[in-house]
């Protein structure tokens, strides 16, 4: 019993000591010219703290405005994207994507891909055939960049997509 307790305590201490790159991320973005969160967003999103902001593909020819927003009490990191042509907003987890696994592929087969890209498996559901993995950076384009980065392993999954957030009443 003592040995098991020591092993579990050591593992817990190691996980607690791991630095979350999102916590360390540059919070000076607002002072550096980030646009405020738009009025068209749900009130729950507008309560978040902007930790990054930018335009995609770039500021000279913007097609999208992107905010990374953090929260203390709910989902910690949200990516908000506004399509400038339509004014449409989309909301997703900023720190993970969802993979719907291909038929007959077990989540353990993702290990070489994850190791190669320096990603981490965050959650999986064998019954639903879903896996959730972290993203490759804390940049505003991390979600699409990660989806693109996993494409060489497309035989392992049917889809790779943002982990979309949905709001009650919408």
C-alpha atoms as a PDB file:
ATOM      1  CA  UNK A   1       0.000   0.000   0.000  1.00  0.00           C
ATOM      2  CA  UNK A   2       2.776   2.392   0.931  1.00  0.00           C
ATOM      3  CA  UNK A   3       4.565   1.809  -2.358  1.00  0.00           C
ATOM      4  CA  UNK A   4       1.387   2.458  -4.387  1.00  0.00           C
ATOM      5  CA  UNK A   5       0.736   5.624  -2.384  1.00  0.00           C
ATOM      6  CA  UNK A   6       4.293   6.851  -3.034  1.00  0.00           C
ATOM      7  CA  UNK A   7       4.014   6.187  -6.776  1.00  0.00           C
ATOM      8  CA  UNK A   8       0.670   7.990  -7.006  1.00  0.00           C
ATOM      9  CA  UNK A   9       1.929  10.888  -4.878  1.00  0.00           C
ATOM     10  CA  UNK A  10       4.986  11.286  -7.081  1.00  0.00           C
ATOM     11  CA  UNK A  11       2.871  11.232 -10.256  1.00  0.00           C
ATOM     12  CA  UNK A  12       0.477  13.817  -8.802  1.00  0.00           C
ATOM     13  CA  UNK A  13       3.365  16.061  -7.747  1.00  0.00           C
ATOM     14  CA  UNK A  14       4.901  15.823 -11.237  1.00  0.00           C
ATOM     15  CA  UNK A  15       1.565  16.737 -12.881  1.00  0.00           C
ATOM     16  CA  UNK A  16       1.051  19.647 -10.471  1.00  0.00           C
ATOM     17  CA  UNK A  17       4.540  20.959 -11.214  1.00  0.00           C
ATOM     18  CA  UNK A  18       4.006  20.890 -15.009  1.00  0.00           C
ATOM     19  CA  UNK A  19       3.730  24.395 -16.394  1.00  0.00           C
ATOM     20  CA  UNK A  20       0.611  25.160 -18.407  1.00  0.00           C
ATOM     21  CA  UNK A  21       1.741  27.273 -21.398  1.00  0.00           C
ATOM     22  CA  UNK A  22      -1.650  28.978 -21.459  1.00  0.00           C
ATOM     23  CA  UNK A  23      -1.148  30.316 -17.948  1.00  0.00           C
ATOM     24  CA  UNK A  24       2.244  31.752 -18.919  1.00  0.00           C
ATOM     25  CA  UNK A  25       0.947  33.196 -22.167  1.00  0.00           C
ATOM     26  CA  UNK A  26       1.374  36.897 -22.943  1.00  0.00           C
ATOM     27  CA  UNK A  27      -1.395  38.765 -21.109  1.00  0.00           C
ATOM     28  CA  UNK A  28      -0.233  42.183 -22.343  1.00  0.00           C
ATOM     29  CA  UNK A  29      -2.201  41.796 -25.552  1.00  0.00           C
ATOM     30  CA  UNK A  30      -4.911  44.309 -24.641  1.00  0.00           C
ATOM     31  CA  UNK A  31      -2.360  46.980 -23.840  1.00  0.00           C
ATOM     32  CA  UNK A  32      -0.714  46.227 -27.170  1.00  0.00           C
ATOM     33  CA  UNK A  33      -3.811  47.029 -29.199  1.00  0.00           C
ATOM     34  CA  UNK A  34      -6.200  44.096 -29.025  1.00  0.00           C
ATOM     35  CA  UNK A  35      -9.731  44.969 -29.995  1.00  0.00           C
ATOM     36  CA  UNK A  36     -12.348  44.616 -27.271  1.00  0.00           C
ATOM     37  CA  UNK A  37     -14.759  41.715 -27.392  1.00  0.00           C
ATOM     38  CA  UNK A  38     -17.677  42.517 -29.711  1.00  0.00           C
ATOM     39  CA  UNK A  39     -21.181  43.297 -28.469  1.00  0.00           C
ATOM     40  CA  UNK A  40     -22.627  40.509 -30.642  1.00  0.00           C
ATOM     41  CA  UNK A  41     -20.955  37.852 -28.498  1.00  0.00           C
ATOM     42  CA  UNK A  42     -22.793  36.107 -25.648  1.00  0.00           C
ATOM     43  CA  UNK A  43     -22.490  37.937 -22.336  1.00  0.00           C
ATOM     44  CA  UNK A  44     -20.714  34.928 -20.835  1.00  0.00           C
ATOM     45  CA  UNK A  45     -17.898  35.284 -23.404  1.00  0.00           C
ATOM     46  CA  UNK A  46     -17.575  39.052 -22.904  1.00  0.00           C
ATOM     47  CA  UNK A  47     -16.759  38.377 -19.232  1.00  0.00           C
ATOM     48  CA  UNK A  48     -13.526  36.652 -20.273  1.00  0.00           C
ATOM     49  CA  UNK A  49     -10.026  38.103 -20.182  1.00  0.00           C
ATOM     50  CA  UNK A  50      -8.418  38.588 -23.586  1.00  0.00           C
ATOM     51  CA  UNK A  51      -5.057  36.818 -23.637  1.00  0.00           C
ATOM     52  CA  UNK A  52      -4.360  37.144 -27.349  1.00  0.00           C
ATOM     53  CA  UNK A  53      -5.854  38.831 -30.391  1.00  0.00           C
ATOM     54  CA  UNK A  54      -5.103  39.077 -34.069  1.00  0.00           C
ATOM     55  CA  UNK A  55      -6.228  38.891 -37.647  1.00  0.00           C
ATOM     56  CA  UNK A  56      -6.026  35.937 -40.007  1.00  0.00           C
ATOM     57  CA  UNK A  57      -4.475  35.440 -42.446  1.00  0.00           C
ATOM     58  CA  UNK A  58      -2.764  38.730 -41.417  1.00  0.00           C
ATOM     59  CA  UNK A  59      -3.493  42.333 -40.438  1.00  0.00           C
ATOM     60  CA  UNK A  60      -2.932  43.631 -43.999  1.00  0.00           C
ATOM     61  CA  UNK A  61      -5.608  41.420 -45.589  1.00  0.00           C
ATOM     62  CA  UNK A  62      -7.815  40.327 -42.696  1.00  0.00           C
ATOM     63  CA  UNK A  63     -10.553  37.768 -43.241  1.00  0.00           C
ATOM     64  CA  UNK A  64     -11.071  36.913 -39.584  1.00  0.00           C
ATOM     65  CA  UNK A  65     -10.678  38.529 -36.189  1.00  0.00           C
ATOM     66  CA  UNK A  66      -9.571  36.049 -33.532  1.00  0.00           C
ATOM     67  CA  UNK A  67      -9.611  36.446 -29.770  1.00  0.00           C
ATOM     68  CA  UNK A  68      -8.234  33.971 -27.251  1.00  0.00           C
ATOM     69  CA  UNK A  69     -10.130  34.462 -24.025  1.00  0.00           C
ATOM     70  CA  UNK A  70      -9.526  32.941 -20.607  1.00  0.00           C
ATOM     71  CA  UNK A  71     -11.959  32.264 -17.801  1.00  0.00           C
ATOM     72  CA  UNK A  72     -11.472  31.413 -14.159  1.00  0.00           C
ATOM     73  CA  UNK A  73     -14.642  29.454 -13.415  1.00  0.00           C
ATOM     74  CA  UNK A  74     -15.733  27.788 -16.652  1.00  0.00           C
ATOM     75  CA  UNK A  75     -13.910  26.358 -19.656  1.00  0.00           C
ATOM     76  CA  UNK A  76     -10.491  28.006 -19.256  1.00  0.00           C
ATOM     77  CA  UNK A  77      -9.466  28.897 -22.856  1.00  0.00           C
ATOM     78  CA  UNK A  78     -11.859  29.852 -25.610  1.00  0.00           C
ATOM     79  CA  UNK A  79     -11.073  30.829 -29.192  1.00  0.00           C
ATOM     80  CA  UNK A  80     -13.567  33.282 -30.680  1.00  0.00           C
ATOM     81  CA  UNK A  81     -13.482  33.790 -34.448  1.00  0.00           C
ATOM     82  CA  UNK A  82     -15.402  36.490 -36.290  1.00  0.00           C
ATOM     83  CA  UNK A  83     -15.736  36.077 -40.064  1.00  0.00           C
ATOM     84  CA  UNK A  84     -15.330  39.684 -41.226  1.00  0.00           C
ATOM     85  CA  UNK A  85     -17.302  39.152 -44.446  1.00  0.00           C
ATOM     86  CA  UNK A  86     -20.422  37.905 -42.636  1.00  0.00           C
ATOM     87  CA  UNK A  87     -20.013  39.064 -39.032  1.00  0.00           C
ATOM     88  CA  UNK A  88     -20.617  35.457 -37.934  1.00  0.00           C
ATOM     89  CA  UNK A  89     -18.981  34.299 -34.702  1.00  0.00           C
ATOM     90  CA  UNK A  90     -17.767  30.800 -33.847  1.00  0.00           C
ATOM     91  CA  UNK A  91     -16.606  29.596 -30.451  1.00  0.00           C
ATOM     92  CA  UNK A  92     -14.282  26.702 -29.723  1.00  0.00           C
ATOM     93  CA  UNK A  93     -11.803  25.405 -27.209  1.00  0.00           C
ATOM     94  CA  UNK A  94      -8.537  27.258 -27.829  1.00  0.00           C
ATOM     95  CA  UNK A  95      -6.350  24.492 -26.460  1.00  0.00           C
ATOM     96  CA  UNK A  96      -7.663  21.299 -28.083  1.00  0.00           C
ATOM     97  CA  UNK A  97      -9.184  19.680 -31.159  1.00  0.00           C
ATOM     98  CA  UNK A  98     -11.426  16.637 -31.589  1.00  0.00           C
ATOM     99  CA  UNK A  99     -10.602  13.591 -33.684  1.00  0.00           C
ATOM    100  CA  UNK A 100     -13.306  11.137 -34.722  1.00  0.00           C
ATOM    101  CA  UNK A 101     -11.316   7.938 -35.028  1.00  0.00           C
ATOM    102  CA  UNK A 102     -11.485   5.796 -38.179  1.00  0.00           C
ATOM    103  CA  UNK A 103     -13.302   2.482 -37.926  1.00  0.00           C
ATOM    104  CA  UNK A 104     -11.120  -0.155 -36.311  1.00  0.00           C
ATOM    105  CA  UNK A 105      -8.497   2.351 -35.081  1.00  0.00           C
ATOM    106  CA  UNK A 106      -7.848   2.425 -31.349  1.00  0.00           C
ATOM    107  CA  UNK A 107      -6.757   5.588 -29.564  1.00  0.00           C
ATOM    108  CA  UNK A 108      -3.424   3.947 -28.703  1.00  0.00           C
ATOM    109  CA  UNK A 109      -2.498   4.119 -32.388  1.00  0.00           C
ATOM    110  CA  UNK A 110      -2.271   7.923 -32.068  1.00  0.00           C
ATOM    111  CA  UNK A 111       0.883   7.643 -29.967  1.00  0.00           C
ATOM    112  CA  UNK A 112       3.433   8.013 -32.824  1.00  0.00           C
ATOM    113  CA  UNK A 113       1.586  11.059 -34.182  1.00  0.00           C
ATOM    114  CA  UNK A 114       1.315  12.671 -30.764  1.00  0.00           C
ATOM    115  CA  UNK A 115       4.997  12.074 -30.012  1.00  0.00           C
ATOM    116  CA  UNK A 116       6.074  13.359 -33.430  1.00  0.00           C
ATOM    117  CA  UNK A 117       4.109  16.613 -33.041  1.00  0.00           C
ATOM    118  CA  UNK A 118       4.755  17.048 -29.318  1.00  0.00           C
ATOM    119  CA  UNK A 119       1.045  16.833 -28.559  1.00  0.00           C
ATOM    120  CA  UNK A 120      -0.808  15.241 -25.717  1.00  0.00           C
ATOM    121  CA  UNK A 121      -3.926  13.092 -25.599  1.00  0.00           C
ATOM    122  CA  UNK A 122      -6.332  14.946 -23.333  1.00  0.00           C
ATOM    123  CA  UNK A 123      -9.347  12.661 -23.400  1.00  0.00           C
ATOM    124  CA  UNK A 124     -10.830   9.760 -25.315  1.00  0.00           C
ATOM    125  CA  UNK A 125     -14.115   7.932 -25.514  1.00  0.00           C
ATOM    126  CA  UNK A 126     -13.879   4.490 -27.105  1.00  0.00           C
ATOM    127  CA  UNK A 127     -17.661   4.079 -27.169  1.00  0.00           C
ATOM    128  CA  UNK A 128     -18.097   7.299 -29.198  1.00  0.00           C
ATOM    129  CA  UNK A 129     -14.829   6.698 -31.102  1.00  0.00           C
ATOM    130  CA  UNK A 130     -13.593  10.192 -30.183  1.00  0.00           C
ATOM    131  CA  UNK A 131     -10.243  11.529 -29.047  1.00  0.00           C
ATOM    132  CA  UNK A 132      -9.383  15.013 -27.870  1.00  0.00           C
ATOM    133  CA  UNK A 133      -5.804  16.213 -28.271  1.00  0.00           C
ATOM    134  CA  UNK A 134      -3.973  19.390 -27.330  1.00  0.00           C
ATOM    135  CA  UNK A 135      -2.844  21.993 -29.860  1.00  0.00           C
ATOM    136  CA  UNK A 136       0.671  22.755 -31.077  1.00  0.00           C
ATOM    137  CA  UNK A 137       0.970  26.284 -29.667  1.00  0.00           C
ATOM    138  CA  UNK A 138      -0.802  29.109 -27.886  1.00  0.00           C
ATOM    139  CA  UNK A 139      -1.039  31.257 -31.022  1.00  0.00           C
ATOM    140  CA  UNK A 140      -4.325  32.509 -32.476  1.00  0.00           C
ATOM    141  CA  UNK A 141      -4.014  30.026 -35.343  1.00  0.00           C
ATOM    142  CA  UNK A 142      -3.184  27.001 -33.147  1.00  0.00           C
ATOM    143  CA  UNK A 143      -6.474  25.191 -33.804  1.00  0.00           C
ATOM    144  CA  UNK A 144      -6.294  25.296 -37.635  1.00  0.00           C
ATOM    145  CA  UNK A 145      -2.513  24.753 -37.531  1.00  0.00           C
ATOM    146  CA  UNK A 146      -2.964  21.605 -35.429  1.00  0.00           C
ATOM    147  CA  UNK A 147      -5.704  20.301 -37.718  1.00  0.00           C
ATOM    148  CA  UNK A 148      -3.330  20.801 -40.645  1.00  0.00           C
ATOM    149  CA  UNK A 149      -0.394  19.231 -38.761  1.00  0.00           C
ATOM    150  CA  UNK A 150      -2.265  15.976 -38.074  1.00  0.00           C
ATOM    151  CA  UNK A 151      -3.266  15.464 -41.735  1.00  0.00           C
ATOM    152  CA  UNK A 152      -0.310  13.185 -42.592  1.00  0.00           C
ATOM    153  CA  UNK A 153      -1.927  10.684 -40.187  1.00  0.00           C
ATOM    154  CA  UNK A 154      -5.407  11.053 -41.754  1.00  0.00           C
ATOM    155  CA  UNK A 155      -5.730   7.265 -42.034  1.00  0.00           C
ATOM    156  CA  UNK A 156      -6.160   7.161 -38.234  1.00  0.00           C
ATOM    157  CA  UNK A 157      -9.227   9.397 -38.095  1.00  0.00           C
ATOM    158  CA  UNK A 158     -12.328  10.311 -40.075  1.00  0.00           C
ATOM    159  CA  UNK A 159     -12.376  13.958 -39.040  1.00  0.00           C
ATOM    160  CA  UNK A 160     -10.170  16.452 -37.231  1.00  0.00           C
ATOM    161  CA  UNK A 161     -12.067  19.531 -36.176  1.00  0.00           C
ATOM    162  CA  UNK A 162     -12.272  22.302 -33.609  1.00  0.00           C
ATOM    163  CA  UNK A 163     -13.827  21.389 -30.277  1.00  0.00           C
ATOM    164  CA  UNK A 164     -16.861  23.625 -30.821  1.00  0.00           C
ATOM    165  CA  UNK A 165     -18.584  25.258 -27.849  1.00  0.00           C
ATOM    166  CA  UNK A 166     -22.336  25.629 -27.804  1.00  0.00           C
ATOM    167  CA  UNK A 167     -24.347  28.001 -25.671  1.00  0.00           C
ATOM    168  CA  UNK A 168     -27.724  27.361 -24.080  1.00  0.00           C
ATOM    169  CA  UNK A 169     -30.527  29.121 -25.919  1.00  0.00           C
ATOM    170  CA  UNK A 170     -28.516  29.543 -29.151  1.00  0.00           C
END
